[in-house]
Amino acid sequence: MAKKVTLGYLQKELKKFEIESETNPCYIPGMVLLSSLVCGPNADKIAKFIKKPRSIVRQFGKVIRTNGIWKHDKVCCEWFDKNGGIAFHCDILVAAGLAL
């Protein structure tokens, strides 16, 4: 039986990347990206899951989609490859608007 992924679980996973506080500009983009693996690339579902306003999640979602991390109904990521941590950090920076 598959383990149910909770918001708390994703928060713990994000802490592994030293992104712990909601005051960190990478926190919400990181949560949006991780949640998209659970909810799919759907900003409304993600907003409900992470308990953040849809307007904020949609802003990040637009940037994520524009940069090709979300394509149609897929999350295009290399987060689970050998250097996945680096790829995830890079995608967070892009989603946060801190890198292109």
N, C-alpha and C. Protein backbone atom coordinates (compact mmCIF):
# COMPACT_ATOMS: atom_id res chain seq x y z
N MET A 1 0.84 -1.18 0.00
CA MET A 1 0.00 0.00 0.00
C MET A 1 0.89 1.24 0.00
N ALA A 2 0.56 2.22 -0.82
CA ALA A 2 1.34 3.45 -0.93
C ALA A 2 1.11 4.34 0.29
N LYS A 3 2.18 5.01 0.68
CA LYS A 3 2.10 5.92 1.80
C LYS A 3 1.40 7.21 1.37
N LYS A 4 0.48 7.70 2.19
CA LYS A 4 -0.21 8.94 1.89
C LYS A 4 0.74 10.10 2.20
N VAL A 5 0.93 10.96 1.23
CA VAL A 5 1.82 12.10 1.39
C VAL A 5 1.01 13.25 2.00
N THR A 6 1.53 13.77 3.11
CA THR A 6 0.86 14.86 3.81
C THR A 6 1.68 16.15 3.66
N LEU A 7 1.06 17.25 4.04
CA LEU A 7 1.74 18.53 4.04
C LEU A 7 2.95 18.47 4.97
N GLY A 8 2.79 17.87 6.13
CA GLY A 8 3.88 17.75 7.09
C GLY A 8 5.06 16.97 6.51
N TYR A 9 4.76 15.94 5.77
CA TYR A 9 5.82 15.15 5.14
C TYR A 9 6.62 16.01 4.15
N LEU A 10 5.91 16.79 3.34
CA LEU A 10 6.60 17.65 2.37
C LEU A 10 7.42 18.74 3.06
N GLN A 11 6.90 19.25 4.17
CA GLN A 11 7.66 20.24 4.93
C GLN A 11 8.96 19.64 5.45
N LYS A 12 8.91 18.39 5.92
CA LYS A 12 10.12 17.71 6.38
C LYS A 12 11.10 17.50 5.23
N GLU A 13 10.57 17.15 4.07
CA GLU A 13 11.43 16.96 2.91
C GLU A 13 12.11 18.27 2.51
N LEU A 14 11.38 19.36 2.58
CA LEU A 14 11.94 20.67 2.23
C LEU A 14 13.03 21.08 3.23
N LYS A 15 12.85 20.69 4.48
CA LYS A 15 13.87 20.99 5.51
C LYS A 15 15.20 20.32 5.18
N LYS A 16 15.14 19.19 4.51
CA LYS A 16 16.37 18.51 4.12
C LYS A 16 17.21 19.37 3.18
N PHE A 17 16.57 20.32 2.53
CA PHE A 17 17.26 21.25 1.64
C PHE A 17 17.55 22.58 2.34
N GLU A 18 17.42 22.57 3.67
CA GLU A 18 17.68 23.74 4.52
C GLU A 18 16.76 24.91 4.19
N ILE A 19 15.54 24.57 3.80
CA ILE A 19 14.50 25.58 3.58
C ILE A 19 13.41 25.28 4.60
N GLU A 20 13.49 25.96 5.73
CA GLU A 20 12.63 25.61 6.86
C GLU A 20 11.57 26.64 7.19
N SER A 21 11.85 27.89 6.96
CA SER A 21 10.98 28.96 7.42
C SER A 21 10.15 29.53 6.28
N GLU A 22 8.91 29.85 6.58
CA GLU A 22 8.06 30.48 5.57
C GLU A 22 8.55 31.87 5.20
N THR A 23 9.46 32.43 5.98
CA THR A 23 10.03 33.73 5.64
C THR A 23 11.12 33.60 4.57
N ASN A 24 11.58 32.39 4.33
CA ASN A 24 12.57 32.13 3.29
C ASN A 24 11.88 32.31 1.94
N PRO A 25 12.43 33.13 1.04
CA PRO A 25 11.76 33.35 -0.26
C PRO A 25 11.65 32.09 -1.11
N CYS A 26 12.34 31.04 -0.73
CA CYS A 26 12.28 29.78 -1.48
C CYS A 26 11.28 28.79 -0.90
N TYR A 27 10.68 29.12 0.25
CA TYR A 27 9.80 28.17 0.93
C TYR A 27 8.54 27.85 0.10
N ILE A 28 7.78 28.85 -0.24
CA ILE A 28 6.52 28.58 -0.97
C ILE A 28 6.81 28.01 -2.36
N PRO A 29 7.77 28.57 -3.12
CA PRO A 29 8.06 27.92 -4.41
C PRO A 29 8.48 26.46 -4.25
N GLY A 30 9.27 26.16 -3.21
CA GLY A 30 9.66 24.78 -2.96
C GLY A 30 8.48 23.90 -2.64
N MET A 31 7.56 24.42 -1.83
CA MET A 31 6.35 23.65 -1.50
C MET A 31 5.48 23.45 -2.74
N VAL A 32 5.39 24.47 -3.58
CA VAL A 32 4.60 24.34 -4.81
C VAL A 32 5.19 23.23 -5.69
N LEU A 33 6.51 23.25 -5.85
CA LEU A 33 7.15 22.24 -6.68
C LEU A 33 6.96 20.84 -6.11
N LEU A 34 7.23 20.67 -4.82
CA LEU A 34 7.06 19.34 -4.21
C LEU A 34 5.61 18.89 -4.28
N SER A 35 4.69 19.79 -4.01
CA SER A 35 3.27 19.45 -4.03
C SER A 35 2.79 19.08 -5.43
N SER A 36 3.46 19.61 -6.44
CA SER A 36 3.04 19.27 -7.80
C SER A 36 3.29 17.79 -8.10
N LEU A 37 4.20 17.16 -7.37
CA LEU A 37 4.40 15.72 -7.53
C LEU A 37 3.23 14.92 -6.96
N VAL A 38 2.53 15.53 -5.99
CA VAL A 38 1.38 14.88 -5.35
C VAL A 38 0.08 15.25 -6.06
N CYS A 39 -0.08 16.53 -6.35
CA CYS A 39 -1.34 17.06 -6.89
C CYS A 39 -1.34 17.20 -8.40
N GLY A 40 -0.19 17.07 -9.02
CA GLY A 40 -0.07 17.39 -10.43
C GLY A 40 0.18 18.88 -10.59
N PRO A 41 0.49 19.31 -11.80
CA PRO A 41 0.79 20.72 -12.03
C PRO A 41 -0.49 21.57 -12.10
N ASN A 42 -1.22 21.60 -11.03
CA ASN A 42 -2.49 22.31 -10.96
C ASN A 42 -2.44 23.26 -9.76
N ALA A 43 -2.32 24.54 -10.05
CA ALA A 43 -2.14 25.54 -8.99
C ALA A 43 -3.29 25.55 -7.99
N ASP A 44 -4.50 25.35 -8.44
CA ASP A 44 -5.64 25.37 -7.52
C ASP A 44 -5.60 24.20 -6.53
N LYS A 45 -5.30 23.01 -7.03
CA LYS A 45 -5.19 21.84 -6.14
C LYS A 45 -4.01 22.01 -5.18
N ILE A 46 -2.91 22.53 -5.68
CA ILE A 46 -1.73 22.74 -4.84
C ILE A 46 -2.03 23.76 -3.75
N ALA A 47 -2.70 24.85 -4.11
CA ALA A 47 -3.04 25.89 -3.11
C ALA A 47 -3.86 25.30 -1.98
N LYS A 48 -4.81 24.47 -2.32
CA LYS A 48 -5.64 23.83 -1.30
C LYS A 48 -4.80 22.89 -0.44
N PHE A 49 -3.91 22.13 -1.07
CA PHE A 49 -3.07 21.16 -0.35
C PHE A 49 -2.11 21.84 0.62
N ILE A 50 -1.47 22.94 0.16
CA ILE A 50 -0.47 23.60 1.03
C ILE A 50 -1.08 24.75 1.85
N LYS A 51 -2.37 24.96 1.68
CA LYS A 51 -3.11 25.95 2.47
C LYS A 51 -2.56 27.37 2.28
N LYS A 52 -2.37 27.72 1.01
CA LYS A 52 -1.92 29.06 0.64
C LYS A 52 -2.91 29.64 -0.36
N PRO A 53 -2.99 30.97 -0.45
CA PRO A 53 -3.92 31.58 -1.40
C PRO A 53 -3.64 31.15 -2.84
N ARG A 54 -4.72 30.88 -3.56
CA ARG A 54 -4.58 30.48 -4.97
C ARG A 54 -3.83 31.51 -5.78
N SER A 55 -4.05 32.80 -5.48
CA SER A 55 -3.40 33.85 -6.26
C SER A 55 -1.88 33.76 -6.15
N ILE A 56 -1.38 33.43 -4.98
CA ILE A 56 0.07 33.31 -4.79
C ILE A 56 0.60 32.07 -5.51
N VAL A 57 -0.08 30.96 -5.33
CA VAL A 57 0.36 29.71 -5.97
C VAL A 57 0.28 29.85 -7.49
N ARG A 58 -0.73 30.49 -7.99
CA ARG A 58 -0.86 30.68 -9.44
C ARG A 58 0.29 31.51 -10.00
N GLN A 59 0.75 32.52 -9.24
CA GLN A 59 1.90 33.32 -9.70
C GLN A 59 3.13 32.44 -9.87
N PHE A 60 3.40 31.61 -8.87
CA PHE A 60 4.54 30.70 -8.97
C PHE A 60 4.32 29.69 -10.08
N GLY A 61 3.09 29.18 -10.18
CA GLY A 61 2.77 28.21 -11.22
C GLY A 61 3.00 28.75 -12.62
N LYS A 62 2.69 30.02 -12.82
CA LYS A 62 2.90 30.63 -14.13
C LYS A 62 4.39 30.65 -14.48
N VAL A 63 5.22 31.01 -13.54
CA VAL A 63 6.67 31.03 -13.76
C VAL A 63 7.19 29.61 -13.99
N ILE A 64 6.70 28.67 -13.20
CA ILE A 64 7.13 27.27 -13.32
C ILE A 64 6.76 26.73 -14.70
N ARG A 65 5.55 27.03 -15.15
CA ARG A 65 5.09 26.54 -16.45
C ARG A 65 5.86 27.24 -17.58
N THR A 66 6.06 28.55 -17.47
CA THR A 66 6.79 29.30 -18.50
C THR A 66 8.20 28.76 -18.68
N ASN A 67 8.80 28.29 -17.60
CA ASN A 67 10.17 27.79 -17.67
C ASN A 67 10.27 26.29 -17.92
N GLY A 68 9.16 25.66 -18.25
CA GLY A 68 9.16 24.28 -18.70
C GLY A 68 9.24 23.22 -17.62
N ILE A 69 9.11 23.61 -16.37
CA ILE A 69 9.12 22.61 -15.29
C ILE A 69 7.78 21.85 -15.29
N TRP A 70 6.72 22.58 -15.59
CA TRP A 70 5.41 21.95 -15.79
C TRP A 70 5.10 22.05 -17.28
N LYS A 71 4.80 20.92 -17.88
CA LYS A 71 4.38 20.89 -19.29
C LYS A 71 3.08 20.11 -19.36
N HIS A 72 2.05 20.80 -19.79
CA HIS A 72 0.72 20.20 -19.86
C HIS A 72 0.34 19.62 -18.51
N ASP A 73 0.23 18.30 -18.40
CA ASP A 73 -0.16 17.68 -17.14
C ASP A 73 0.99 16.92 -16.49
N LYS A 74 2.23 17.29 -16.83
CA LYS A 74 3.40 16.59 -16.31
C LYS A 74 4.35 17.54 -15.59
N VAL A 75 5.03 17.00 -14.58
CA VAL A 75 6.10 17.71 -13.90
C VAL A 75 7.40 17.18 -14.51
N CYS A 76 8.12 18.05 -15.19
CA CYS A 76 9.35 17.66 -15.88
C CYS A 76 10.53 18.03 -14.98
N CYS A 77 11.04 17.06 -14.28
CA CYS A 77 12.10 17.34 -13.33
C CYS A 77 13.15 16.24 -13.35
N GLU A 78 14.32 16.59 -12.87
CA GLU A 78 15.42 15.64 -12.71
C GLU A 78 15.83 15.58 -11.25
N TRP A 79 14.87 15.70 -10.37
CA TRP A 79 15.13 15.79 -8.93
C TRP A 79 15.56 14.47 -8.32
N PHE A 80 15.38 13.39 -9.02
CA PHE A 80 15.68 12.08 -8.46
C PHE A 80 16.89 11.44 -9.12
N ASP A 81 17.58 12.21 -9.96
CA ASP A 81 18.81 11.72 -10.57
C ASP A 81 19.97 11.86 -9.58
N LYS A 82 21.15 11.51 -10.01
CA LYS A 82 22.34 11.56 -9.15
C LYS A 82 22.54 12.94 -8.52
N ASN A 83 22.35 13.99 -9.29
CA ASN A 83 22.51 15.36 -8.81
C ASN A 83 21.16 16.05 -8.62
N GLY A 84 20.17 15.28 -8.21
CA GLY A 84 18.81 15.78 -8.10
C GLY A 84 18.65 16.93 -7.14
N GLY A 85 19.41 16.94 -6.05
CA GLY A 85 19.32 18.04 -5.09
C GLY A 85 19.67 19.38 -5.72
N ILE A 86 20.67 19.35 -6.58
CA ILE A 86 21.08 20.58 -7.27
C ILE A 86 19.99 21.01 -8.23
N ALA A 87 19.43 20.05 -8.96
CA ALA A 87 18.36 20.37 -9.91
C ALA A 87 17.14 20.94 -9.19
N PHE A 88 16.82 20.36 -8.04
CA PHE A 88 15.66 20.85 -7.27
C PHE A 88 15.91 22.28 -6.79
N HIS A 89 17.10 22.54 -6.26
CA HIS A 89 17.44 23.90 -5.82
C HIS A 89 17.36 24.88 -6.99
N CYS A 90 17.87 24.49 -8.13
CA CYS A 90 17.81 25.36 -9.32
C CYS A 90 16.37 25.65 -9.71
N ASP A 91 15.52 24.62 -9.69
CA ASP A 91 14.11 24.83 -10.04
C ASP A 91 13.41 25.72 -9.02
N ILE A 92 13.78 25.60 -7.75
CA ILE A 92 13.20 26.49 -6.74
C ILE A 92 13.59 27.93 -7.02
N LEU A 93 14.86 28.15 -7.33
CA LEU A 93 15.33 29.52 -7.63
C LEU A 93 14.61 30.10 -8.84
N VAL A 94 14.39 29.28 -9.85
CA VAL A 94 13.65 29.73 -11.03
C VAL A 94 12.22 30.06 -10.63
N ALA A 95 11.56 29.17 -9.89
CA ALA A 95 10.17 29.39 -9.49
C ALA A 95 10.03 30.64 -8.64
N ALA A 96 11.03 30.91 -7.82
CA ALA A 96 11.01 32.10 -6.94
C ALA A 96 11.35 33.37 -7.69
N GLY A 97 11.78 33.25 -8.94
CA GLY A 97 12.15 34.42 -9.72
C GLY A 97 13.54 34.93 -9.36
N LEU A 98 14.35 34.08 -8.74
CA LEU A 98 15.69 34.48 -8.33
C LEU A 98 16.76 34.05 -9.32
N ALA A 99 16.38 33.25 -10.32
CA ALA A 99 17.31 32.80 -11.35
C ALA A 99 16.53 32.52 -12.63
N LEU A 100 17.23 32.57 -13.73
CA LEU A 100 16.60 32.25 -15.02
C LEU A 100 17.27 31.08 -15.68
